[in-house]
Amino acid sequence: TAYKCRLKNKIFCRNCNLKGHVESVCFKEQKQLQMYD
């Protein structure tokens, strides 16, 4: 789960430039919202 993710403080998103997730699961894409609700 996301709570147990050990990489959450080490990864950055190229899409929104925020720390804590990668580009493939960026919530700024509306498609991802349904997948990772």
PDB file of all heavy atoms in Angstrom:
ATOM      1  N   THR A   1       0.839  -1.204   0.000  1.00  0.00           N
ATOM      2  CA  THR A   1       0.000   0.000   0.000  1.00  0.00           C
ATOM      3  C   THR A   1       0.869   1.248   0.000  1.00  0.00           C
ATOM      4  O   THR A   1       2.080   1.179   0.261  1.00  0.00           O
ATOM      5  CB  THR A   1      -0.903   0.032   1.242  1.00  0.00           C
ATOM      6  OG1 THR A   1      -0.085   0.092   2.401  1.00  0.00           O
ATOM      7  CG2 THR A   1      -1.798  -1.194   1.317  1.00  0.00           C
ATOM      8  N   ALA A   2       0.239   2.381  -0.266  1.00  0.00           N
ATOM      9  CA  ALA A   2       0.984   3.645  -0.298  1.00  0.00           C
ATOM     10  C   ALA A   2       1.557   3.991   1.073  1.00  0.00           C
ATOM     11  O   ALA A   2       2.623   4.591   1.184  1.00  0.00           O
ATOM     12  CB  ALA A   2       0.072   4.770  -0.787  1.00  0.00           C
ATOM     13  N   TYR A   3       0.840   3.619   2.122  1.00  0.00           N
ATOM     14  CA  TYR A   3       1.316   3.938   3.478  1.00  0.00           C
ATOM     15  C   TYR A   3       2.623   3.207   3.796  1.00  0.00           C
ATOM     16  O   TYR A   3       3.462   3.700   4.520  1.00  0.00           O
ATOM     17  CB  TYR A   3       0.247   3.574   4.494  1.00  0.00           C
ATOM     18  CG  TYR A   3       0.675   3.779   5.927  1.00  0.00           C
ATOM     19  CD1 TYR A   3       0.874   5.064   6.427  1.00  0.00           C
ATOM     20  CD2 TYR A   3       0.896   2.703   6.758  1.00  0.00           C
ATOM     21  CE1 TYR A   3       1.273   5.257   7.728  1.00  0.00           C
ATOM     22  CE2 TYR A   3       1.305   2.880   8.067  1.00  0.00           C
ATOM     23  CZ  TYR A   3       1.493   4.162   8.554  1.00  0.00           C
ATOM     24  OH  TYR A   3       1.883   4.352   9.851  1.00  0.00           O
ATOM     25  N   LYS A   4       2.777   1.950   3.215  1.00  0.00           N
ATOM     26  CA  LYS A   4       3.967   1.148   3.489  1.00  0.00           C
ATOM     27  C   LYS A   4       5.079   1.364   2.466  1.00  0.00           C
ATOM     28  O   LYS A   4       6.113   0.712   2.527  1.00  0.00           O
ATOM     29  CB  LYS A   4       3.585  -0.335   3.503  1.00  0.00           C
ATOM     30  CG  LYS A   4       2.629  -0.713   4.620  1.00  0.00           C
ATOM     31  CD  LYS A   4       2.286  -2.187   4.563  1.00  0.00           C
ATOM     32  CE  LYS A   4       1.311  -2.562   5.678  1.00  0.00           C
ATOM     33  NZ  LYS A   4       0.942  -4.004   5.618  1.00  0.00           N
ATOM     34  N   CYS A   5       4.873   2.261   1.530  1.00  0.00           N
ATOM     35  CA  CYS A   5       5.857   2.476   0.464  1.00  0.00           C
ATOM     36  C   CYS A   5       7.141   3.060   1.041  1.00  0.00           C
ATOM     37  O   CYS A   5       7.126   4.128   1.672  1.00  0.00           O
ATOM     38  CB  CYS A   5       5.279   3.403  -0.612  1.00  0.00           C
ATOM     39  SG  CYS A   5       6.397   3.639  -2.015  1.00  0.00           S
ATOM     40  N   ARG A   6       8.266   2.385   0.793  1.00  0.00           N
ATOM     41  CA  ARG A   6       9.544   2.850   1.317  1.00  0.00           C
ATOM     42  C   ARG A   6      10.203   3.890   0.431  1.00  0.00           C
ATOM     43  O   ARG A   6      11.219   4.471   0.799  1.00  0.00           O
ATOM     44  CB  ARG A   6      10.500   1.661   1.491  1.00  0.00           C
ATOM     45  CG  ARG A   6      10.023   0.658   2.545  1.00  0.00           C
ATOM     46  CD  ARG A   6      11.104  -0.326   2.881  1.00  0.00           C
ATOM     47  NE  ARG A   6      11.513  -1.107   1.732  1.00  0.00           N
ATOM     48  CZ  ARG A   6      12.568  -1.942   1.721  1.00  0.00           C
ATOM     49  NH1 ARG A   6      13.295  -2.072   2.812  1.00  0.00           N
ATOM     50  NH2 ARG A   6      12.892  -2.618   0.637  1.00  0.00           N
ATOM     51  N   LEU A   7       9.644   4.126  -0.734  1.00  0.00           N
ATOM     52  CA  LEU A   7      10.248   5.069  -1.674  1.00  0.00           C
ATOM     53  C   LEU A   7       9.560   6.428  -1.678  1.00  0.00           C
ATOM     54  O   LEU A   7       9.934   7.294  -2.461  1.00  0.00           O
ATOM     55  CB  LEU A   7      10.194   4.476  -3.093  1.00  0.00           C
ATOM     56  CG  LEU A   7      10.936   3.151  -3.305  1.00  0.00           C
ATOM     57  CD1 LEU A   7      10.686   2.656  -4.717  1.00  0.00           C
ATOM     58  CD2 LEU A   7      12.423   3.329  -3.063  1.00  0.00           C
ATOM     59  N   LYS A   8       8.565   6.607  -0.808  1.00  0.00           N
ATOM     60  CA  LYS A   8       7.752   7.826  -0.894  1.00  0.00           C
ATOM     61  C   LYS A   8       8.542   9.103  -0.633  1.00  0.00           C
ATOM     62  O   LYS A   8       8.161  10.167  -1.109  1.00  0.00           O
ATOM     63  CB  LYS A   8       6.560   7.747   0.063  1.00  0.00           C
ATOM     64  CG  LYS A   8       6.941   7.636   1.531  1.00  0.00           C
ATOM     65  CD  LYS A   8       5.695   7.514   2.378  1.00  0.00           C
ATOM     66  CE  LYS A   8       6.043   7.389   3.860  1.00  0.00           C
ATOM     67  NZ  LYS A   8       4.833   7.255   4.700  1.00  0.00           N
ATOM     68  N   ASN A   9       9.636   9.004   0.117  1.00  0.00           N
ATOM     69  CA  ASN A   9      10.448  10.186   0.398  1.00  0.00           C
ATOM     70  C   ASN A   9      11.656  10.312  -0.515  1.00  0.00           C
ATOM     71  O   ASN A   9      12.499  11.187  -0.317  1.00  0.00           O
ATOM     72  CB  ASN A   9      10.907  10.176   1.852  1.00  0.00           C
ATOM     73  CG  ASN A   9       9.775  10.338   2.833  1.00  0.00           C
ATOM     74  OD1 ASN A   9       8.842  11.079   2.572  1.00  0.00           O
ATOM     75  ND2 ASN A   9       9.830   9.632   3.953  1.00  0.00           N
ATOM     76  N   LYS A  10      11.752   9.395  -1.501  1.00  0.00           N
ATOM     77  CA  LYS A  10      12.935   9.393  -2.357  1.00  0.00           C
ATOM     78  C   LYS A  10      12.615   9.643  -3.819  1.00  0.00           C
ATOM     79  O   LYS A  10      13.527   9.790  -4.636  1.00  0.00           O
ATOM     80  CB  LYS A  10      13.650   8.048  -2.230  1.00  0.00           C
ATOM     81  CG  LYS A  10      14.200   7.773  -0.841  1.00  0.00           C
ATOM     82  CD  LYS A  10      14.931   6.447  -0.799  1.00  0.00           C
ATOM     83  CE  LYS A  10      15.516   6.170   0.579  1.00  0.00           C
ATOM     84  NZ  LYS A  10      16.233   4.872   0.623  1.00  0.00           N
ATOM     85  N   ILE A  11      11.340   9.651  -4.189  1.00  0.00           N
ATOM     86  CA  ILE A  11      10.967   9.750  -5.593  1.00  0.00           C
ATOM     87  C   ILE A  11      10.332  11.099  -5.900  1.00  0.00           C
ATOM     88  O   ILE A  11       9.736  11.738  -5.030  1.00  0.00           O
ATOM     89  CB  ILE A  11      10.002   8.614  -5.996  1.00  0.00           C
ATOM     90  CG1 ILE A  11       8.801   8.558  -5.019  1.00  0.00           C
ATOM     91  CG2 ILE A  11      10.735   7.285  -6.019  1.00  0.00           C
ATOM     92  CD1 ILE A  11       7.817   7.446  -5.329  1.00  0.00           C
ATOM     93  N   PHE A  12      10.484  11.539  -7.143  1.00  0.00           N
ATOM     94  CA  PHE A  12       9.927  12.805  -7.608  1.00  0.00           C
ATOM     95  C   PHE A  12       9.133  12.564  -8.887  1.00  0.00           C
ATOM     96  O   PHE A  12       9.432  11.656  -9.667  1.00  0.00           O
ATOM     97  CB  PHE A  12      11.035  13.825  -7.875  1.00  0.00           C
ATOM     98  CG  PHE A  12      11.701  14.332  -6.649  1.00  0.00           C
ATOM     99  CD1 PHE A  12      12.759  13.641  -6.078  1.00  0.00           C
ATOM    100  CD2 PHE A  12      11.269  15.496  -6.022  1.00  0.00           C
ATOM    101  CE1 PHE A  12      13.371  14.106  -4.937  1.00  0.00           C
ATOM    102  CE2 PHE A  12      11.877  15.965  -4.883  1.00  0.00           C
ATOM    103  CZ  PHE A  12      12.932  15.264  -4.335  1.00  0.00           C
ATOM    104  N   CYS A  13       8.134  13.403  -9.096  1.00  0.00           N
ATOM    105  CA  CYS A  13       7.288  13.315 -10.281  1.00  0.00           C
ATOM    106  C   CYS A  13       7.761  14.312 -11.332  1.00  0.00           C
ATOM    107  O   CYS A  13       7.912  15.505 -11.033  1.00  0.00           O
ATOM    108  CB  CYS A  13       5.831  13.579  -9.909  1.00  0.00           C
ATOM    109  SG  CYS A  13       4.708  13.591 -11.321  1.00  0.00           S
ATOM    110  N   ARG A  14       7.973  13.850 -12.552  1.00  0.00           N
ATOM    111  CA  ARG A  14       8.386  14.745 -13.624  1.00  0.00           C
ATOM    112  C   ARG A  14       7.227  15.559 -14.177  1.00  0.00           C
ATOM    113  O   ARG A  14       7.422  16.558 -14.850  1.00  0.00           O
ATOM    114  CB  ARG A  14       9.009  13.929 -14.763  1.00  0.00           C
ATOM    115  CG  ARG A  14      10.304  13.229 -14.361  1.00  0.00           C
ATOM    116  CD  ARG A  14      10.860  12.453 -15.540  1.00  0.00           C
ATOM    117  NE  ARG A  14      12.072  11.740 -15.183  1.00  0.00           N
ATOM    118  CZ  ARG A  14      12.749  10.941 -16.013  1.00  0.00           C
ATOM    119  NH1 ARG A  14      12.306  10.763 -17.259  1.00  0.00           N
ATOM    120  NH2 ARG A  14      13.836  10.331 -15.611  1.00  0.00           N
ATOM    121  N   ASN A  15       6.016  15.109 -13.884  1.00  0.00           N
ATOM    122  CA  ASN A  15       4.835  15.789 -14.413  1.00  0.00           C
ATOM    123  C   ASN A  15       4.504  17.049 -13.609  1.00  0.00           C
ATOM    124  O   ASN A  15       4.305  18.123 -14.163  1.00  0.00           O
ATOM    125  CB  ASN A  15       3.652  14.823 -14.413  1.00  0.00           C
ATOM    126  CG  ASN A  15       2.409  15.443 -15.026  1.00  0.00           C
ATOM    127  OD1 ASN A  15       2.496  16.255 -15.952  1.00  0.00           O
ATOM    128  ND2 ASN A  15       1.258  15.074 -14.530  1.00  0.00           N
ATOM    129  N   CYS A  16       4.459  16.906 -12.252  1.00  0.00           N
ATOM    130  CA  CYS A  16       4.084  18.055 -11.415  1.00  0.00           C
ATOM    131  C   CYS A  16       5.236  18.560 -10.551  1.00  0.00           C
ATOM    132  O   CYS A  16       5.057  19.504  -9.767  1.00  0.00           O
ATOM    133  CB  CYS A  16       2.903  17.686 -10.514  1.00  0.00           C
ATOM    134  SG  CYS A  16       3.260  16.357  -9.352  1.00  0.00           S
ATOM    135  N   ASN A  17       6.416  17.912 -10.647  1.00  0.00           N
ATOM    136  CA  ASN A  17       7.615  18.313  -9.898  1.00  0.00           C
ATOM    137  C   ASN A  17       7.429  18.246  -8.393  1.00  0.00           C
ATOM    138  O   ASN A  17       8.044  19.013  -7.648  1.00  0.00           O
ATOM    139  CB  ASN A  17       8.049  19.732 -10.298  1.00  0.00           C
ATOM    140  CG  ASN A  17       8.460  19.816 -11.747  1.00  0.00           C
ATOM    141  OD1 ASN A  17       9.085  18.886 -12.261  1.00  0.00           O
ATOM    142  ND2 ASN A  17       8.103  20.906 -12.401  1.00  0.00           N
ATOM    143  N   LEU A  18       6.580  17.359  -7.931  1.00  0.00           N
ATOM    144  CA  LEU A  18       6.366  17.190  -6.497  1.00  0.00           C
ATOM    145  C   LEU A  18       7.018  15.906  -6.017  1.00  0.00           C
ATOM    146  O   LEU A  18       7.189  14.942  -6.771  1.00  0.00           O
ATOM    147  CB  LEU A  18       4.871  17.166  -6.173  1.00  0.00           C
ATOM    148  CG  LEU A  18       4.106  18.464  -6.425  1.00  0.00           C
ATOM    149  CD1 LEU A  18       2.628  18.264  -6.099  1.00  0.00           C
ATOM    150  CD2 LEU A  18       4.681  19.608  -5.600  1.00  0.00           C
ATOM    151  N   LYS A  19       7.366  15.909  -4.733  1.00  0.00           N
ATOM    152  CA  LYS A  19       7.998  14.759  -4.116  1.00  0.00           C
ATOM    153  C   LYS A  19       6.933  13.798  -3.595  1.00  0.00           C
ATOM    154  O   LYS A  19       5.896  14.207  -3.102  1.00  0.00           O
ATOM    155  CB  LYS A  19       8.894  15.226  -2.951  1.00  0.00           C
ATOM    156  CG  LYS A  19       9.687  14.129  -2.271  1.00  0.00           C
ATOM    157  CD  LYS A  19      10.528  14.740  -1.157  1.00  0.00           C
ATOM    158  CE  LYS A  19      11.321  13.671  -0.438  1.00  0.00           C
ATOM    159  NZ  LYS A  19      12.131  14.236   0.674  1.00  0.00           N
ATOM    160  N   GLY A  20       7.205  12.465  -3.690  1.00  0.00           N
ATOM    161  CA  GLY A  20       6.317  11.513  -3.072  1.00  0.00           C
ATOM    162  C   GLY A  20       5.636  10.543  -4.020  1.00  0.00           C
ATOM    163  O   GLY A  20       5.018   9.586  -3.577  1.00  0.00           O
ATOM    164  N   HIS A  21       5.751  10.762  -5.349  1.00  0.00           N
ATOM    165  CA  HIS A  21       5.175   9.836  -6.314  1.00  0.00           C
ATOM    166  C   HIS A  21       5.900   9.988  -7.645  1.00  0.00           C
ATOM    167  O   HIS A  21       6.669  10.933  -7.839  1.00  0.00           O
ATOM    168  CB  HIS A  21       3.673  10.077  -6.477  1.00  0.00           C
ATOM    169  CG  HIS A  21       3.332  11.418  -7.053  1.00  0.00           C
ATOM    170  ND1 HIS A  21       3.238  12.559  -6.282  1.00  0.00           N
ATOM    171  CD2 HIS A  21       3.081  11.797  -8.340  1.00  0.00           C
ATOM    172  CE1 HIS A  21       2.934  13.589  -7.049  1.00  0.00           C
ATOM    173  NE2 HIS A  21       2.839  13.159  -8.306  1.00  0.00           N
ATOM    174  N   VAL A  22       5.642   9.053  -8.538  1.00  0.00           N
ATOM    175  CA  VAL A  22       6.284   9.080  -9.850  1.00  0.00           C
ATOM    176  C   VAL A  22       5.287   9.518 -10.916  1.00  0.00           C
ATOM    177  O   VAL A  22       4.083   9.599 -10.670  1.00  0.00           O
ATOM    178  CB  VAL A  22       6.873   7.689 -10.204  1.00  0.00           C
ATOM    179  CG1 VAL A  22       7.994   7.330  -9.259  1.00  0.00           C
ATOM    180  CG2 VAL A  22       5.786   6.623 -10.177  1.00  0.00           C
ATOM    181  N   GLU A  23       5.810   9.780 -12.100  1.00  0.00           N
ATOM    182  CA  GLU A  23       4.996  10.350 -13.178  1.00  0.00           C
ATOM    183  C   GLU A  23       3.856   9.424 -13.594  1.00  0.00           C
ATOM    184  O   GLU A  23       2.756   9.875 -13.912  1.00  0.00           O
ATOM    185  CB  GLU A  23       5.895  10.640 -14.386  1.00  0.00           C
ATOM    186  CG  GLU A  23       5.185  11.300 -15.555  1.00  0.00           C
ATOM    187  CD  GLU A  23       6.134  11.566 -16.701  1.00  0.00           C
ATOM    188  OE1 GLU A  23       7.314  11.170 -16.597  1.00  0.00           O
ATOM    189  OE2 GLU A  23       5.685  12.155 -17.686  1.00  0.00           O
ATOM    190  N   SER A  24       4.093   8.114 -13.559  1.00  0.00           N
ATOM    191  CA  SER A  24       3.083   7.169 -14.049  1.00  0.00           C
ATOM    192  C   SER A  24       1.832   7.126 -13.186  1.00  0.00           C
ATOM    193  O   SER A  24       0.783   6.663 -13.631  1.00  0.00           O
ATOM    194  CB  SER A  24       3.688   5.762 -14.133  1.00  0.00           C
ATOM    195  OG  SER A  24       4.114   5.341 -12.847  1.00  0.00           O
ATOM    196  N   VAL A  25       1.942   7.588 -11.945  1.00  0.00           N
ATOM    197  CA  VAL A  25       0.777   7.570 -11.051  1.00  0.00           C
ATOM    198  C   VAL A  25       0.413   8.971 -10.578  1.00  0.00           C
ATOM    199  O   VAL A  25      -0.154   9.143  -9.504  1.00  0.00           O
ATOM    200  CB  VAL A  25       1.037   6.650  -9.832  1.00  0.00           C
ATOM    201  CG1 VAL A  25       1.132   5.211 -10.256  1.00  0.00           C
ATOM    202  CG2 VAL A  25       2.302   7.085  -9.095  1.00  0.00           C
ATOM    203  N   CYS A  26       0.757   9.978 -11.362  1.00  0.00           N
ATOM    204  CA  CYS A  26       0.489  11.358 -10.951  1.00  0.00           C
ATOM    205  C   CYS A  26      -1.018  11.604 -10.934  1.00  0.00           C
ATOM    206  O   CYS A  26      -1.729  11.314 -11.897  1.00  0.00           O
ATOM    207  CB  CYS A  26       1.170  12.332 -11.896  1.00  0.00           C
ATOM    208  SG  CYS A  26       0.905  14.059 -11.441  1.00  0.00           S
ATOM    209  N   PHE A  27      -1.506  12.181  -9.835  1.00  0.00           N
ATOM    210  CA  PHE A  27      -2.936  12.421  -9.685  1.00  0.00           C
ATOM    211  C   PHE A  27      -3.433  13.602 -10.509  1.00  0.00           C
ATOM    212  O   PHE A  27      -4.625  13.860 -10.557  1.00  0.00           O
ATOM    213  CB  PHE A  27      -3.271  12.669  -8.214  1.00  0.00           C
ATOM    214  CG  PHE A  27      -3.322  11.413  -7.413  1.00  0.00           C
ATOM    215  CD1 PHE A  27      -2.755  11.370  -6.149  1.00  0.00           C
ATOM    216  CD2 PHE A  27      -3.927  10.269  -7.898  1.00  0.00           C
ATOM    217  CE1 PHE A  27      -2.791  10.219  -5.402  1.00  0.00           C
ATOM    218  CE2 PHE A  27      -3.966   9.115  -7.149  1.00  0.00           C
ATOM    219  CZ  PHE A  27      -3.395   9.079  -5.899  1.00  0.00           C
ATOM    220  N   LYS A  28      -2.522  14.345 -11.114  1.00  0.00           N
ATOM    221  CA  LYS A  28      -2.967  15.466 -11.940  1.00  0.00           C
ATOM    222  C   LYS A  28      -3.639  14.963 -13.223  1.00  0.00           C
ATOM    223  O   LYS A  28      -4.370  15.700 -13.875  1.00  0.00           O
ATOM    224  CB  LYS A  28      -1.785  16.372 -12.276  1.00  0.00           C
ATOM    225  CG  LYS A  28      -1.386  17.257 -11.101  1.00  0.00           C
ATOM    226  CD  LYS A  28      -0.678  18.501 -11.559  1.00  0.00           C
ATOM    227  CE  LYS A  28      -0.518  19.483 -10.408  1.00  0.00           C
ATOM    228  NZ  LYS A  28       0.129  20.718 -10.824  1.00  0.00           N
ATOM    229  N   GLU A  29      -3.336  13.725 -13.578  1.00  0.00           N
ATOM    230  CA  GLU A  29      -4.041  13.113 -14.703  1.00  0.00           C
ATOM    231  C   GLU A  29      -5.344  12.520 -14.180  1.00  0.00           C
ATOM    232  O   GLU A  29      -5.341  11.685 -13.279  1.00  0.00           O
ATOM    233  CB  GLU A  29      -3.178  12.016 -15.326  1.00  0.00           C
ATOM    234  CG  GLU A  29      -1.859  12.521 -15.897  1.00  0.00           C
ATOM    235  CD  GLU A  29      -2.085  13.412 -17.100  1.00  0.00           C
ATOM    236  OE1 GLU A  29      -3.114  13.232 -17.770  1.00  0.00           O
ATOM    237  OE2 GLU A  29      -1.236  14.283 -17.362  1.00  0.00           O
ATOM    238  N   GLN A  30      -6.463  12.923 -14.728  1.00  0.00           N
ATOM    239  CA  GLN A  30      -7.763  12.475 -14.235  1.00  0.00           C
ATOM    240  C   GLN A  30      -7.928  10.954 -14.354  1.00  0.00           C
ATOM    241  O   GLN A  30      -8.652  10.327 -13.597  1.00  0.00           O
ATOM    242  CB  GLN A  30      -8.881  13.177 -15.004  1.00  0.00           C
ATOM    243  CG  GLN A  30      -8.970  14.656 -14.718  1.00  0.00           C
ATOM    244  CD  GLN A  30      -9.295  14.935 -13.269  1.00  0.00           C
ATOM    245  OE1 GLN A  30     -10.078  14.230 -12.658  1.00  0.00           O
ATOM    246  NE2 GLN A  30      -8.683  15.959 -12.706  1.00  0.00           N
ATOM    247  N   LYS A  31      -7.224  10.337 -15.292  1.00  0.00           N
ATOM    248  CA  LYS A  31      -7.322   8.891 -15.452  1.00  0.00           C
ATOM    249  C   LYS A  31      -6.782   8.187 -14.215  1.00  0.00           C
ATOM    250  O   LYS A  31      -7.262   7.130 -13.829  1.00  0.00           O
ATOM    251  CB  LYS A  31      -6.534   8.450 -16.684  1.00  0.00           C
ATOM    252  CG  LYS A  31      -7.098   8.986 -17.988  1.00  0.00           C
ATOM    253  CD  LYS A  31      -6.236   8.547 -19.147  1.00  0.00           C
ATOM    254  CE  LYS A  31      -6.765   9.110 -20.461  1.00  0.00           C
ATOM    255  NZ  LYS A  31      -5.923   8.708 -21.599  1.00  0.00           N
ATOM    256  N   GLN A  32      -5.768   8.758 -13.616  1.00  0.00           N
ATOM    257  CA  GLN A  32      -5.154   8.114 -12.465  1.00  0.00           C
ATOM    258  C   GLN A  32      -6.044   8.197 -11.231  1.00  0.00           C
ATOM    259  O   GLN A  32      -5.935   7.382 -10.330  1.00  0.00           O
ATOM    260  CB  GLN A  32      -3.800   8.772 -12.146  1.00  0.00           C
ATOM    261  CG  GLN A  32      -2.812   8.770 -13.297  1.00  0.00           C
ATOM    262  CD  GLN A  32      -2.312   7.378 -13.626  1.00  0.00           C
ATOM    263  OE1 GLN A  32      -2.610   6.434 -12.901  1.00  0.00           O
ATOM    264  NE2 GLN A  32      -1.604   7.240 -14.724  1.00  0.00           N
ATOM    265  N   LEU A  33      -6.916   9.174 -11.174  1.00  0.00           N
ATOM    266  CA  LEU A  33      -7.759   9.339  -9.997  1.00  0.00           C
ATOM    267  C   LEU A  33      -8.649   8.123  -9.794  1.00  0.00           C
ATOM    268  O   LEU A  33      -8.870   7.675  -8.669  1.00  0.00           O
ATOM    269  CB  LEU A  33      -8.617  10.599 -10.131  1.00  0.00           C
ATOM    270  CG  LEU A  33      -7.870  11.923 -10.015  1.00  0.00           C
ATOM    271  CD1 LEU A  33      -8.842  13.070 -10.259  1.00  0.00           C
ATOM    272  CD2 LEU A  33      -7.221  12.069  -8.659  1.00  0.00           C
ATOM    273  N   GLN A  34      -9.197   7.588 -10.882  1.00  0.00           N
ATOM    274  CA  GLN A  34     -10.072   6.441 -10.767  1.00  0.00           C
ATOM    275  C   GLN A  34      -9.282   5.181 -10.413  1.00  0.00           C
ATOM    276  O   GLN A  34      -9.742   4.314  -9.687  1.00  0.00           O
ATOM    277  CB  GLN A  34     -10.842   6.225 -12.082  1.00  0.00           C
ATOM    278  CG  GLN A  34     -11.679   7.427 -12.500  1.00  0.00           C
ATOM    279  CD  GLN A  34     -12.746   7.745 -11.476  1.00  0.00           C
ATOM    280  OE1 GLN A  34     -13.266   6.851 -10.821  1.00  0.00           O
ATOM    281  NE2 GLN A  34     -13.089   9.017 -11.337  1.00  0.00           N
ATOM    282  N   MET A  35      -8.058   5.088 -10.974  1.00  0.00           N
ATOM    283  CA  MET A  35      -7.254   3.888 -10.775  1.00  0.00           C
ATOM    284  C   MET A  35      -6.750   3.767  -9.345  1.00  0.00           C
ATOM    285  O   MET A  35      -6.669   2.682  -8.776  1.00  0.00           O
ATOM    286  CB  MET A  35      -6.070   3.909 -11.744  1.00  0.00           C
ATOM    287  CG  MET A  35      -5.266   2.602 -11.767  1.00  0.00           C
ATOM    288  SD  MET A  35      -3.904   2.712 -12.929  1.00  0.00           S
ATOM    289  CE  MET A  35      -4.770   3.042 -14.444  1.00  0.00           C
ATOM    290  N   TYR A  36      -6.418   4.924  -8.734  1.00  0.00           N
ATOM    291  CA  TYR A  36      -5.831   4.895  -7.402  1.00  0.00           C
ATOM    292  C   TYR A  36      -6.725   5.580  -6.383  1.00  0.00           C
ATOM    293  O   TYR A  36      -6.255   6.229  -5.464  1.00  0.00           O
ATOM    294  CB  TYR A  36      -4.459   5.578  -7.418  1.00  0.00           C
ATOM    295  CG  TYR A  36      -3.523   4.976  -8.415  1.00  0.00           C
ATOM    296  CD1 TYR A  36      -3.295   5.590  -9.647  1.00  0.00           C
ATOM    297  CD2 TYR A  36      -2.896   3.778  -8.142  1.00  0.00           C
ATOM    298  CE1 TYR A  36      -2.449   5.027 -10.565  1.00  0.00           C
ATOM    299  CE2 TYR A  36      -2.039   3.210  -9.063  1.00  0.00           C
ATOM    300  CZ  TYR A  36      -1.816   3.835 -10.274  1.00  0.00           C
ATOM    301  OH  TYR A  36      -0.980   3.282 -11.180  1.00  0.00           O
ATOM    302  N   ASP A  37      -7.991   5.502  -6.547  1.00  0.00           N
ATOM    303  CA  ASP A  37      -8.937   6.106  -5.612  1.00  0.00           C
ATOM    304  C   ASP A  37      -8.758   5.515  -4.220  1.00  0.00           C
ATOM    305  O   ASP A  37      -8.798   4.303  -4.027  1.00  0.00           O
ATOM    306  CB  ASP A  37     -10.363   5.849  -6.111  1.00  0.00           C
ATOM    307  CG  ASP A  37     -11.393   6.512  -5.225  1.00  0.00           C
ATOM    308  OD1 ASP A  37     -10.968   7.303  -4.360  1.00  0.00           O
ATOM    309  OD2 ASP A  37     -12.580   6.243  -5.414  1.00  0.00           O
TER     310      ASP A  37
END
